[in-house]
Amino acid sequence: MNPPTNPLARCYLGWIQALRYVQPLFLLAVRVLIGWGFILAGWGKLTNIAATAAAFAKLGIPQPELNAWAAGLSETVGGACLILGLASRVITIPLIATMIVAYATAHKEIFADVVADPNGFVKEFLGPAAPPTPYLIGILAVLLFGPGLFSVDGLLKRLFFDRRAAQAAPGRPV
């Protein structure tokens, strides 16, 4: 494909190419920030299991102690896996479930307000009263786009899957 002769088109394509180099750093930052937040939240639950279970019982969550352990472990282990980029897309599933439970229990009044008034989405879902939102957006980004180049998953992909694809295509250098 011939490069475009229009200077504006060349500038645009150069900008897009430059942003491709920044994408792995952005995904790393998202994973570290969101993962660290999950570790702190999960560790807080695990180190205060009685208080967490009492809070869960007050919210009407069934089997509060079991769910306190499940939420704490999934947030702590999931956060660590996110930071490392290990099984990133798989670990997002229990974390998404945890955030959905948070909306359905601790933040259900906010969710009901947004359903009643969709114009309040930005204020309610991105405001300080709805902490699950940034976490949910971050883990959805990892689920949809993957962990990026700077991750254990990325390293495993380069070591095992990219080599197999190169070996399967004769005449291509490894």
N, C-alpha and C. Protein backbone atom coordinates (compact mmCIF):
# COMPACT_ATOMS: atom_id res chain seq x y z
N MET A 1 0.83 -1.17 0.00
CA MET A 1 0.00 0.00 0.00
C MET A 1 0.88 1.24 0.00
N ASN A 2 0.59 2.14 -0.90
CA ASN A 2 1.37 3.37 -0.99
C ASN A 2 1.01 4.33 0.13
N PRO A 3 2.03 5.02 0.69
CA PRO A 3 1.72 6.00 1.73
C PRO A 3 0.95 7.17 1.13
N PRO A 4 0.07 7.77 1.89
CA PRO A 4 -0.73 8.88 1.36
C PRO A 4 0.16 10.09 1.05
N THR A 5 -0.23 10.84 0.04
CA THR A 5 0.53 12.04 -0.33
C THR A 5 0.02 13.28 0.40
N ASN A 6 -1.19 13.23 0.88
CA ASN A 6 -1.76 14.34 1.62
C ASN A 6 -1.03 14.50 2.95
N PRO A 7 -0.47 15.68 3.23
CA PRO A 7 0.27 15.87 4.48
C PRO A 7 -0.60 15.65 5.72
N LEU A 8 -1.85 16.03 5.64
CA LEU A 8 -2.75 15.84 6.77
C LEU A 8 -2.98 14.35 7.03
N ALA A 9 -3.15 13.58 5.99
CA ALA A 9 -3.35 12.13 6.11
C ALA A 9 -2.09 11.48 6.67
N ARG A 10 -0.90 11.92 6.20
CA ARG A 10 0.35 11.37 6.71
C ARG A 10 0.53 11.70 8.18
N CYS A 11 0.17 12.91 8.56
CA CYS A 11 0.26 13.32 9.96
C CYS A 11 -0.67 12.47 10.83
N TYR A 12 -1.88 12.27 10.34
CA TYR A 12 -2.85 11.47 11.07
C TYR A 12 -2.35 10.03 11.24
N LEU A 13 -1.86 9.42 10.16
CA LEU A 13 -1.35 8.06 10.24
C LEU A 13 -0.15 7.96 11.17
N GLY A 14 0.71 8.98 11.15
CA GLY A 14 1.85 9.01 12.07
C GLY A 14 1.39 9.10 13.52
N TRP A 15 0.36 9.89 13.76
CA TRP A 15 -0.20 10.03 15.10
C TRP A 15 -0.76 8.69 15.59
N ILE A 16 -1.49 8.02 14.73
CA ILE A 16 -2.06 6.71 15.08
C ILE A 16 -0.94 5.71 15.38
N GLN A 17 0.10 5.72 14.58
CA GLN A 17 1.23 4.81 14.81
C GLN A 17 1.92 5.12 16.13
N ALA A 18 2.08 6.38 16.45
CA ALA A 18 2.70 6.76 17.73
C ALA A 18 1.84 6.30 18.91
N LEU A 19 0.53 6.42 18.78
CA LEU A 19 -0.36 5.99 19.86
C LEU A 19 -0.30 4.48 20.07
N ARG A 20 0.00 3.74 19.02
CA ARG A 20 0.12 2.28 19.16
C ARG A 20 1.26 1.92 20.10
N TYR A 21 2.30 2.74 20.12
CA TYR A 21 3.42 2.49 21.02
C TYR A 21 3.07 2.81 22.47
N VAL A 22 2.12 3.69 22.69
CA VAL A 22 1.72 4.09 24.03
C VAL A 22 0.68 3.12 24.62
N GLN A 23 -0.04 2.41 23.78
CA GLN A 23 -1.11 1.53 24.23
C GLN A 23 -0.66 0.53 25.30
N PRO A 24 0.48 -0.17 25.14
CA PRO A 24 0.88 -1.11 26.19
C PRO A 24 1.13 -0.43 27.54
N LEU A 25 1.68 0.79 27.51
CA LEU A 25 1.91 1.52 28.75
C LEU A 25 0.59 1.91 29.41
N PHE A 26 -0.38 2.30 28.60
CA PHE A 26 -1.69 2.65 29.13
C PHE A 26 -2.35 1.43 29.78
N LEU A 27 -2.31 0.29 29.09
CA LEU A 27 -2.91 -0.93 29.66
C LEU A 27 -2.20 -1.35 30.93
N LEU A 28 -0.88 -1.17 30.99
CA LEU A 28 -0.14 -1.46 32.21
C LEU A 28 -0.60 -0.54 33.34
N ALA A 29 -0.73 0.74 33.06
CA ALA A 29 -1.18 1.69 34.08
C ALA A 29 -2.58 1.35 34.58
N VAL A 30 -3.47 1.02 33.67
CA VAL A 30 -4.84 0.64 34.07
C VAL A 30 -4.79 -0.59 34.96
N ARG A 31 -4.03 -1.60 34.55
CA ARG A 31 -3.96 -2.83 35.33
C ARG A 31 -3.39 -2.59 36.72
N VAL A 32 -2.33 -1.79 36.81
CA VAL A 32 -1.70 -1.55 38.11
C VAL A 32 -2.62 -0.74 39.02
N LEU A 33 -3.21 0.33 38.49
CA LEU A 33 -4.09 1.16 39.33
C LEU A 33 -5.33 0.40 39.79
N ILE A 34 -5.99 -0.26 38.88
CA ILE A 34 -7.19 -1.01 39.22
C ILE A 34 -6.83 -2.21 40.10
N GLY A 35 -5.77 -2.91 39.76
CA GLY A 35 -5.34 -4.06 40.56
C GLY A 35 -4.99 -3.68 41.98
N TRP A 36 -4.28 -2.57 42.15
CA TRP A 36 -3.92 -2.13 43.49
C TRP A 36 -5.17 -1.77 44.30
N GLY A 37 -6.12 -1.13 43.67
CA GLY A 37 -7.38 -0.81 44.34
C GLY A 37 -8.11 -2.07 44.78
N PHE A 38 -8.12 -3.08 43.93
CA PHE A 38 -8.75 -4.35 44.30
C PHE A 38 -8.00 -5.02 45.45
N ILE A 39 -6.68 -4.99 45.42
CA ILE A 39 -5.91 -5.60 46.51
C ILE A 39 -6.23 -4.91 47.83
N LEU A 40 -6.25 -3.59 47.83
CA LEU A 40 -6.56 -2.87 49.07
C LEU A 40 -7.96 -3.20 49.58
N ALA A 41 -8.93 -3.21 48.68
CA ALA A 41 -10.31 -3.52 49.08
C ALA A 41 -10.42 -4.96 49.57
N GLY A 42 -9.83 -5.88 48.85
CA GLY A 42 -9.90 -7.29 49.23
C GLY A 42 -9.18 -7.58 50.54
N TRP A 43 -7.99 -6.99 50.70
CA TRP A 43 -7.23 -7.19 51.92
C TRP A 43 -7.97 -6.61 53.12
N GLY A 44 -8.62 -5.48 52.92
CA GLY A 44 -9.43 -4.89 53.98
C GLY A 44 -10.55 -5.82 54.41
N LYS A 45 -11.17 -6.48 53.45
CA LYS A 45 -12.22 -7.45 53.77
C LYS A 45 -11.64 -8.66 54.52
N LEU A 46 -10.53 -9.17 54.03
CA LEU A 46 -9.95 -10.38 54.62
C LEU A 46 -9.41 -10.15 56.03
N THR A 47 -8.88 -8.97 56.29
CA THR A 47 -8.32 -8.70 57.62
C THR A 47 -9.38 -8.28 58.63
N ASN A 48 -10.59 -7.99 58.17
CA ASN A 48 -11.71 -7.64 59.05
C ASN A 48 -12.92 -8.47 58.64
N ILE A 49 -12.76 -9.77 58.62
CA ILE A 49 -13.80 -10.64 58.07
C ILE A 49 -15.10 -10.54 58.86
N ALA A 50 -15.02 -10.38 60.18
CA ALA A 50 -16.25 -10.29 60.99
C ALA A 50 -17.02 -9.01 60.65
N ALA A 51 -16.30 -7.89 60.54
CA ALA A 51 -16.96 -6.62 60.20
C ALA A 51 -17.51 -6.66 58.78
N THR A 52 -16.77 -7.28 57.87
CA THR A 52 -17.23 -7.40 56.48
C THR A 52 -18.48 -8.27 56.41
N ALA A 53 -18.47 -9.38 57.13
CA ALA A 53 -19.64 -10.28 57.15
C ALA A 53 -20.85 -9.56 57.75
N ALA A 54 -20.62 -8.77 58.79
CA ALA A 54 -21.72 -8.01 59.39
C ALA A 54 -22.28 -6.99 58.40
N ALA A 55 -21.41 -6.33 57.69
CA ALA A 55 -21.85 -5.35 56.68
C ALA A 55 -22.61 -6.06 55.56
N PHE A 56 -22.13 -7.23 55.14
CA PHE A 56 -22.81 -7.99 54.10
C PHE A 56 -24.19 -8.46 54.58
N ALA A 57 -24.27 -8.87 55.84
CA ALA A 57 -25.55 -9.31 56.39
C ALA A 57 -26.54 -8.14 56.41
N LYS A 58 -26.05 -6.96 56.78
CA LYS A 58 -26.90 -5.76 56.82
C LYS A 58 -27.42 -5.41 55.42
N LEU A 59 -26.62 -5.71 54.39
CA LEU A 59 -27.03 -5.45 53.01
C LEU A 59 -27.96 -6.53 52.46
N GLY A 60 -28.13 -7.60 53.23
CA GLY A 60 -29.02 -8.68 52.80
C GLY A 60 -28.33 -9.70 51.90
N ILE A 61 -27.02 -9.73 51.91
CA ILE A 61 -26.28 -10.71 51.11
C ILE A 61 -26.37 -12.05 51.82
N PRO A 62 -26.81 -13.12 51.12
CA PRO A 62 -26.93 -14.43 51.78
C PRO A 62 -25.54 -14.97 52.16
N GLN A 63 -25.51 -15.79 53.18
CA GLN A 63 -24.28 -16.38 53.69
C GLN A 63 -23.16 -15.33 53.76
N PRO A 64 -23.34 -14.34 54.61
CA PRO A 64 -22.43 -13.19 54.60
C PRO A 64 -20.96 -13.53 54.86
N GLU A 65 -20.69 -14.49 55.75
CA GLU A 65 -19.29 -14.79 56.02
C GLU A 65 -18.63 -15.47 54.82
N LEU A 66 -19.33 -16.42 54.22
CA LEU A 66 -18.79 -17.08 53.03
C LEU A 66 -18.57 -16.07 51.90
N ASN A 67 -19.54 -15.19 51.69
CA ASN A 67 -19.41 -14.19 50.64
C ASN A 67 -18.34 -13.14 50.96
N ALA A 68 -18.13 -12.87 52.24
CA ALA A 68 -17.06 -11.95 52.62
C ALA A 68 -15.71 -12.56 52.25
N TRP A 69 -15.54 -13.85 52.54
CA TRP A 69 -14.31 -14.53 52.15
C TRP A 69 -14.17 -14.57 50.63
N ALA A 70 -15.25 -14.90 49.93
CA ALA A 70 -15.20 -14.99 48.47
C ALA A 70 -14.85 -13.64 47.84
N ALA A 71 -15.50 -12.57 48.30
CA ALA A 71 -15.22 -11.24 47.75
C ALA A 71 -13.79 -10.82 48.08
N GLY A 72 -13.37 -11.04 49.32
CA GLY A 72 -12.02 -10.65 49.72
C GLY A 72 -10.95 -11.38 48.95
N LEU A 73 -11.12 -12.69 48.81
CA LEU A 73 -10.13 -13.48 48.06
C LEU A 73 -10.14 -13.12 46.58
N SER A 74 -11.34 -12.97 46.01
CA SER A 74 -11.38 -12.66 44.57
C SER A 74 -10.77 -11.29 44.30
N GLU A 75 -11.01 -10.32 45.18
CA GLU A 75 -10.43 -8.98 44.98
C GLU A 75 -8.92 -8.98 45.20
N THR A 76 -8.45 -9.68 46.24
CA THR A 76 -7.01 -9.70 46.53
C THR A 76 -6.24 -10.46 45.46
N VAL A 77 -6.66 -11.69 45.19
CA VAL A 77 -5.97 -12.51 44.19
C VAL A 77 -6.17 -11.91 42.79
N GLY A 78 -7.40 -11.48 42.50
CA GLY A 78 -7.67 -10.87 41.19
C GLY A 78 -6.85 -9.61 40.98
N GLY A 79 -6.73 -8.79 42.01
CA GLY A 79 -5.93 -7.57 41.89
C GLY A 79 -4.46 -7.88 41.62
N ALA A 80 -3.93 -8.88 42.33
CA ALA A 80 -2.53 -9.28 42.11
C ALA A 80 -2.34 -9.81 40.69
N CYS A 81 -3.29 -10.62 40.23
CA CYS A 81 -3.20 -11.15 38.86
C CYS A 81 -3.29 -10.03 37.83
N LEU A 82 -4.13 -9.03 38.10
CA LEU A 82 -4.22 -7.89 37.17
C LEU A 82 -2.90 -7.15 37.09
N ILE A 83 -2.29 -6.89 38.24
CA ILE A 83 -1.01 -6.17 38.23
C ILE A 83 0.03 -6.94 37.44
N LEU A 84 0.10 -8.24 37.65
CA LEU A 84 1.07 -9.06 36.93
C LEU A 84 0.69 -9.29 35.47
N GLY A 85 -0.60 -9.16 35.17
CA GLY A 85 -1.06 -9.48 33.83
C GLY A 85 -1.11 -10.99 33.64
N LEU A 86 -1.49 -11.70 34.69
CA LEU A 86 -1.52 -13.16 34.69
C LEU A 86 -2.97 -13.63 34.63
N ALA A 87 -3.32 -14.38 33.59
CA ALA A 87 -4.69 -14.86 33.37
C ALA A 87 -5.66 -13.68 33.43
N SER A 88 -5.26 -12.60 32.82
CA SER A 88 -5.96 -11.32 32.96
C SER A 88 -7.41 -11.36 32.52
N ARG A 89 -7.65 -11.94 31.37
CA ARG A 89 -9.03 -11.95 30.87
C ARG A 89 -9.91 -12.90 31.68
N VAL A 90 -9.34 -13.97 32.20
CA VAL A 90 -10.10 -14.91 33.01
C VAL A 90 -10.43 -14.29 34.36
N ILE A 91 -9.47 -13.64 34.98
CA ILE A 91 -9.66 -13.10 36.32
C ILE A 91 -10.65 -11.93 36.33
N THR A 92 -10.88 -11.33 35.18
CA THR A 92 -11.85 -10.23 35.15
C THR A 92 -13.28 -10.71 35.42
N ILE A 93 -13.58 -11.96 35.12
CA ILE A 93 -14.95 -12.47 35.28
C ILE A 93 -15.40 -12.41 36.75
N PRO A 94 -14.65 -12.99 37.72
CA PRO A 94 -15.11 -12.86 39.10
C PRO A 94 -15.07 -11.42 39.61
N LEU A 95 -14.16 -10.62 39.08
CA LEU A 95 -14.12 -9.21 39.50
C LEU A 95 -15.34 -8.44 38.98
N ILE A 96 -15.75 -8.73 37.76
CA ILE A 96 -16.96 -8.10 37.22
C ILE A 96 -18.16 -8.54 38.06
N ALA A 97 -18.21 -9.81 38.41
CA ALA A 97 -19.31 -10.30 39.25
C ALA A 97 -19.32 -9.58 40.59
N THR A 98 -18.16 -9.37 41.18
CA THR A 98 -18.07 -8.66 42.46
C THR A 98 -18.59 -7.23 42.32
N MET A 99 -18.26 -6.56 41.22
CA MET A 99 -18.72 -5.18 41.02
C MET A 99 -20.23 -5.15 40.78
N ILE A 100 -20.77 -6.15 40.10
CA ILE A 100 -22.22 -6.21 39.88
C ILE A 100 -22.94 -6.42 41.21
N VAL A 101 -22.38 -7.29 42.06
CA VAL A 101 -22.97 -7.47 43.39
C VAL A 101 -22.88 -6.18 44.19
N ALA A 102 -21.79 -5.45 44.06
CA ALA A 102 -21.66 -4.17 44.77
C ALA A 102 -22.75 -3.20 44.32
N TYR A 103 -23.00 -3.13 43.02
CA TYR A 103 -24.08 -2.27 42.52
C TYR A 103 -25.44 -2.75 43.01
N ALA A 104 -25.64 -4.07 43.03
CA ALA A 104 -26.95 -4.62 43.40
C ALA A 104 -27.23 -4.53 44.89
N THR A 105 -26.19 -4.35 45.70
CA THR A 105 -26.40 -4.31 47.15
C THR A 105 -26.04 -2.96 47.74
N ALA A 106 -24.77 -2.67 47.83
CA ALA A 106 -24.31 -1.45 48.50
C ALA A 106 -24.66 -0.18 47.73
N HIS A 107 -24.83 -0.28 46.43
CA HIS A 107 -25.08 0.90 45.61
C HIS A 107 -26.40 0.80 44.84
N LYS A 108 -27.34 0.02 45.35
CA LYS A 108 -28.58 -0.19 44.60
C LYS A 108 -29.41 1.08 44.48
N GLU A 109 -29.35 1.99 45.45
CA GLU A 109 -30.11 3.24 45.33
C GLU A 109 -29.57 4.10 44.20
N ILE A 110 -28.28 4.08 43.99
CA ILE A 110 -27.69 4.83 42.88
C ILE A 110 -28.14 4.23 41.56
N PHE A 111 -28.10 2.90 41.46
CA PHE A 111 -28.53 2.23 40.24
C PHE A 111 -30.00 2.53 39.95
N ALA A 112 -30.84 2.49 40.97
CA ALA A 112 -32.28 2.79 40.79
C ALA A 112 -32.48 4.22 40.33
N ASP A 113 -31.71 5.17 40.89
CA ASP A 113 -31.82 6.57 40.48
C ASP A 113 -31.45 6.75 39.00
N VAL A 114 -30.41 6.04 38.56
CA VAL A 114 -29.97 6.17 37.18
C VAL A 114 -31.00 5.56 36.23
N VAL A 115 -31.60 4.43 36.63
CA VAL A 115 -32.64 3.82 35.80
C VAL A 115 -33.83 4.77 35.69
N ALA A 116 -34.18 5.43 36.79
CA ALA A 116 -35.31 6.37 36.80
C ALA A 116 -34.99 7.63 36.01
N ASP A 117 -33.73 8.08 36.05
CA ASP A 117 -33.33 9.31 35.36
C ASP A 117 -32.02 9.07 34.61
N PRO A 118 -32.10 8.58 33.36
CA PRO A 118 -30.87 8.27 32.61
C PRO A 118 -29.96 9.48 32.41
N ASN A 119 -30.50 10.70 32.51
CA ASN A 119 -29.66 11.89 32.35
C ASN A 119 -28.69 12.05 33.51
N GLY A 120 -28.95 11.38 34.62
CA GLY A 120 -28.06 11.48 35.77
C GLY A 120 -26.90 10.49 35.73
N PHE A 121 -26.70 9.82 34.59
CA PHE A 121 -25.66 8.80 34.48
C PHE A 121 -24.29 9.32 34.88
N VAL A 122 -23.87 10.41 34.29
CA VAL A 122 -22.51 10.91 34.55
C VAL A 122 -22.36 11.29 36.02
N LYS A 123 -23.33 11.99 36.55
CA LYS A 123 -23.25 12.43 37.94
C LYS A 123 -23.23 11.24 38.90
N GLU A 124 -24.10 10.30 38.70
CA GLU A 124 -24.24 9.19 39.63
C GLU A 124 -23.20 8.10 39.44
N PHE A 125 -22.96 7.69 38.19
CA PHE A 125 -22.08 6.56 37.96
C PHE A 125 -20.60 6.93 37.99
N LEU A 126 -20.29 8.17 37.72
CA LEU A 126 -18.88 8.55 37.74
C LEU A 126 -18.56 9.46 38.91
N GLY A 127 -19.53 9.75 39.73
CA GLY A 127 -19.31 10.61 40.89
C GLY A 127 -18.70 9.83 42.04
N PRO A 128 -18.38 10.54 43.11
CA PRO A 128 -17.71 9.89 44.25
C PRO A 128 -18.60 8.89 44.98
N ALA A 129 -19.91 8.94 44.77
CA ALA A 129 -20.81 8.02 45.48
C ALA A 129 -20.83 6.63 44.84
N ALA A 130 -20.22 6.45 43.70
CA ALA A 130 -20.28 5.16 43.00
C ALA A 130 -18.88 4.62 42.72
N PRO A 131 -18.15 4.18 43.75
CA PRO A 131 -16.79 3.71 43.53
C PRO A 131 -16.64 2.48 42.64
N PRO A 132 -17.65 1.61 42.48
CA PRO A 132 -17.42 0.47 41.60
C PRO A 132 -17.23 0.84 40.12
N THR A 133 -17.71 2.00 39.71
CA THR A 133 -17.68 2.35 38.29
C THR A 133 -16.28 2.37 37.68
N PRO A 134 -15.31 3.08 38.25
CA PRO A 134 -13.98 3.07 37.61
C PRO A 134 -13.36 1.67 37.58
N TYR A 135 -13.62 0.89 38.62
CA TYR A 135 -13.09 -0.47 38.64
C TYR A 135 -13.74 -1.31 37.55
N LEU A 136 -15.04 -1.17 37.41
CA LEU A 136 -15.76 -1.93 36.38
C LEU A 136 -15.27 -1.53 34.99
N ILE A 137 -15.09 -0.25 34.75
CA ILE A 137 -14.60 0.21 33.44
C ILE A 137 -13.19 -0.32 33.19
N GLY A 138 -12.34 -0.27 34.21
CA GLY A 138 -10.96 -0.76 34.06
C GLY A 138 -10.89 -2.24 33.75
N ILE A 139 -11.67 -3.05 34.48
CA ILE A 139 -11.61 -4.48 34.22
C ILE A 139 -12.29 -4.85 32.91
N LEU A 140 -13.28 -4.07 32.50
CA LEU A 140 -13.86 -4.30 31.17
C LEU A 140 -12.84 -3.99 30.07
N ALA A 141 -12.03 -2.95 30.28
CA ALA A 141 -10.97 -2.63 29.31
C ALA A 141 -9.98 -3.79 29.19
N VAL A 142 -9.60 -4.38 30.32
CA VAL A 142 -8.67 -5.52 30.29
C VAL A 142 -9.34 -6.72 29.64
N LEU A 143 -10.61 -6.95 29.95
CA LEU A 143 -11.33 -8.07 29.33
C LEU A 143 -11.39 -7.91 27.81
N LEU A 144 -11.70 -6.71 27.34
CA LEU A 144 -11.89 -6.49 25.91
C LEU A 144 -10.59 -6.34 25.13
N PHE A 145 -9.58 -5.68 25.72
CA PHE A 145 -8.36 -5.38 24.99
C PHE A 145 -7.18 -6.24 25.40
N GLY A 146 -7.33 -7.01 26.47
CA GLY A 146 -6.23 -7.83 26.95
C GLY A 146 -5.31 -7.04 27.85
N PRO A 147 -4.32 -7.72 28.40
CA PRO A 147 -3.44 -7.07 29.38
C PRO A 147 -2.35 -6.21 28.76
N GLY A 148 -2.10 -6.37 27.48
CA GLY A 148 -1.06 -5.59 26.83
C GLY A 148 0.28 -6.32 26.78
N LEU A 149 1.24 -5.65 26.21
CA LEU A 149 2.56 -6.22 25.97
C LEU A 149 3.32 -6.49 27.28
N PHE A 150 3.21 -5.58 28.24
CA PHE A 150 3.97 -5.69 29.49
C PHE A 150 3.17 -6.48 30.52
N SER A 151 3.09 -7.78 30.32
CA SER A 151 2.31 -8.65 31.20
C SER A 151 2.85 -10.07 31.08
N VAL A 152 2.52 -10.89 32.07
CA VAL A 152 2.89 -12.30 32.00
C VAL A 152 2.17 -12.94 30.81
N ASP A 153 0.91 -12.60 30.62
CA ASP A 153 0.16 -13.14 29.48
C ASP A 153 0.84 -12.76 28.16
N GLY A 154 1.27 -11.51 28.05
CA GLY A 154 1.95 -11.05 26.83
C GLY A 154 3.25 -11.79 26.61
N LEU A 155 4.00 -12.04 27.69
CA LEU A 155 5.25 -12.78 27.59
C LEU A 155 4.99 -14.22 27.14
N LEU A 156 3.99 -14.86 27.75
CA LEU A 156 3.66 -16.23 27.36
C LEU A 156 3.20 -16.31 25.91
N LYS A 157 2.46 -15.31 25.48
CA LYS A 157 2.00 -15.27 24.08
C LYS A 157 3.20 -15.18 23.14
N ARG A 158 4.14 -14.30 23.47
CA ARG A 158 5.32 -14.14 22.61
C ARG A 158 6.18 -15.40 22.62
N LEU A 159 6.30 -16.05 23.77
CA LEU A 159 7.16 -17.23 23.87
C LEU A 159 6.57 -18.46 23.20
N PHE A 160 5.27 -18.65 23.35
CA PHE A 160 4.67 -19.91 22.89
C PHE A 160 3.82 -19.77 21.64
N PHE A 161 2.92 -18.83 21.62
CA PHE A 161 1.96 -18.77 20.52
C PHE A 161 2.53 -18.10 19.28
N ASP A 162 3.30 -17.03 19.45
CA ASP A 162 3.88 -16.36 18.28
C ASP A 162 4.90 -17.25 17.59
N ARG A 163 5.65 -18.03 18.34
CA ARG A 163 6.63 -18.94 17.74
C ARG A 163 5.95 -20.06 16.97
N ARG A 164 4.86 -20.58 17.53
CA ARG A 164 4.12 -21.64 16.84
C ARG A 164 3.56 -21.13 15.52
N ALA A 165 3.04 -19.91 15.52
CA ALA A 165 2.50 -19.34 14.29
C ALA A 165 3.61 -19.14 13.28
N ALA A 166 4.79 -18.72 13.75
CA ALA A 166 5.91 -18.51 12.84
C ALA A 166 6.41 -19.84 12.29
N GLN A 167 6.40 -20.88 13.10
CA GLN A 167 6.84 -22.18 12.63
C GLN A 167 5.83 -22.81 11.68
N ALA A 168 4.59 -22.50 11.86
CA ALA A 168 3.55 -23.06 11.00
C ALA A 168 3.57 -22.44 9.61
N ALA A 169 4.10 -21.25 9.48
CA ALA A 169 4.17 -20.57 8.19
C ALA A 169 5.57 -20.76 7.61
N PRO A 170 5.72 -21.67 6.65
CA PRO A 170 7.05 -21.92 6.08
C PRO A 170 7.57 -20.68 5.34
N GLY A 171 8.87 -20.48 5.46
CA GLY A 171 9.50 -19.38 4.76
C GLY A 171 9.50 -18.09 5.57
N ARG A 172 8.84 -18.07 6.71
CA ARG A 172 8.84 -16.86 7.53
C ARG A 172 9.95 -16.97 8.57
N PRO A 173 10.71 -15.91 8.79
CA PRO A 173 11.74 -15.95 9.81
C PRO A 173 11.13 -16.00 11.21
N VAL A 174 11.81 -16.69 12.11
CA VAL A 174 11.33 -16.81 13.49
C VAL A 174 11.75 -15.61 14.30
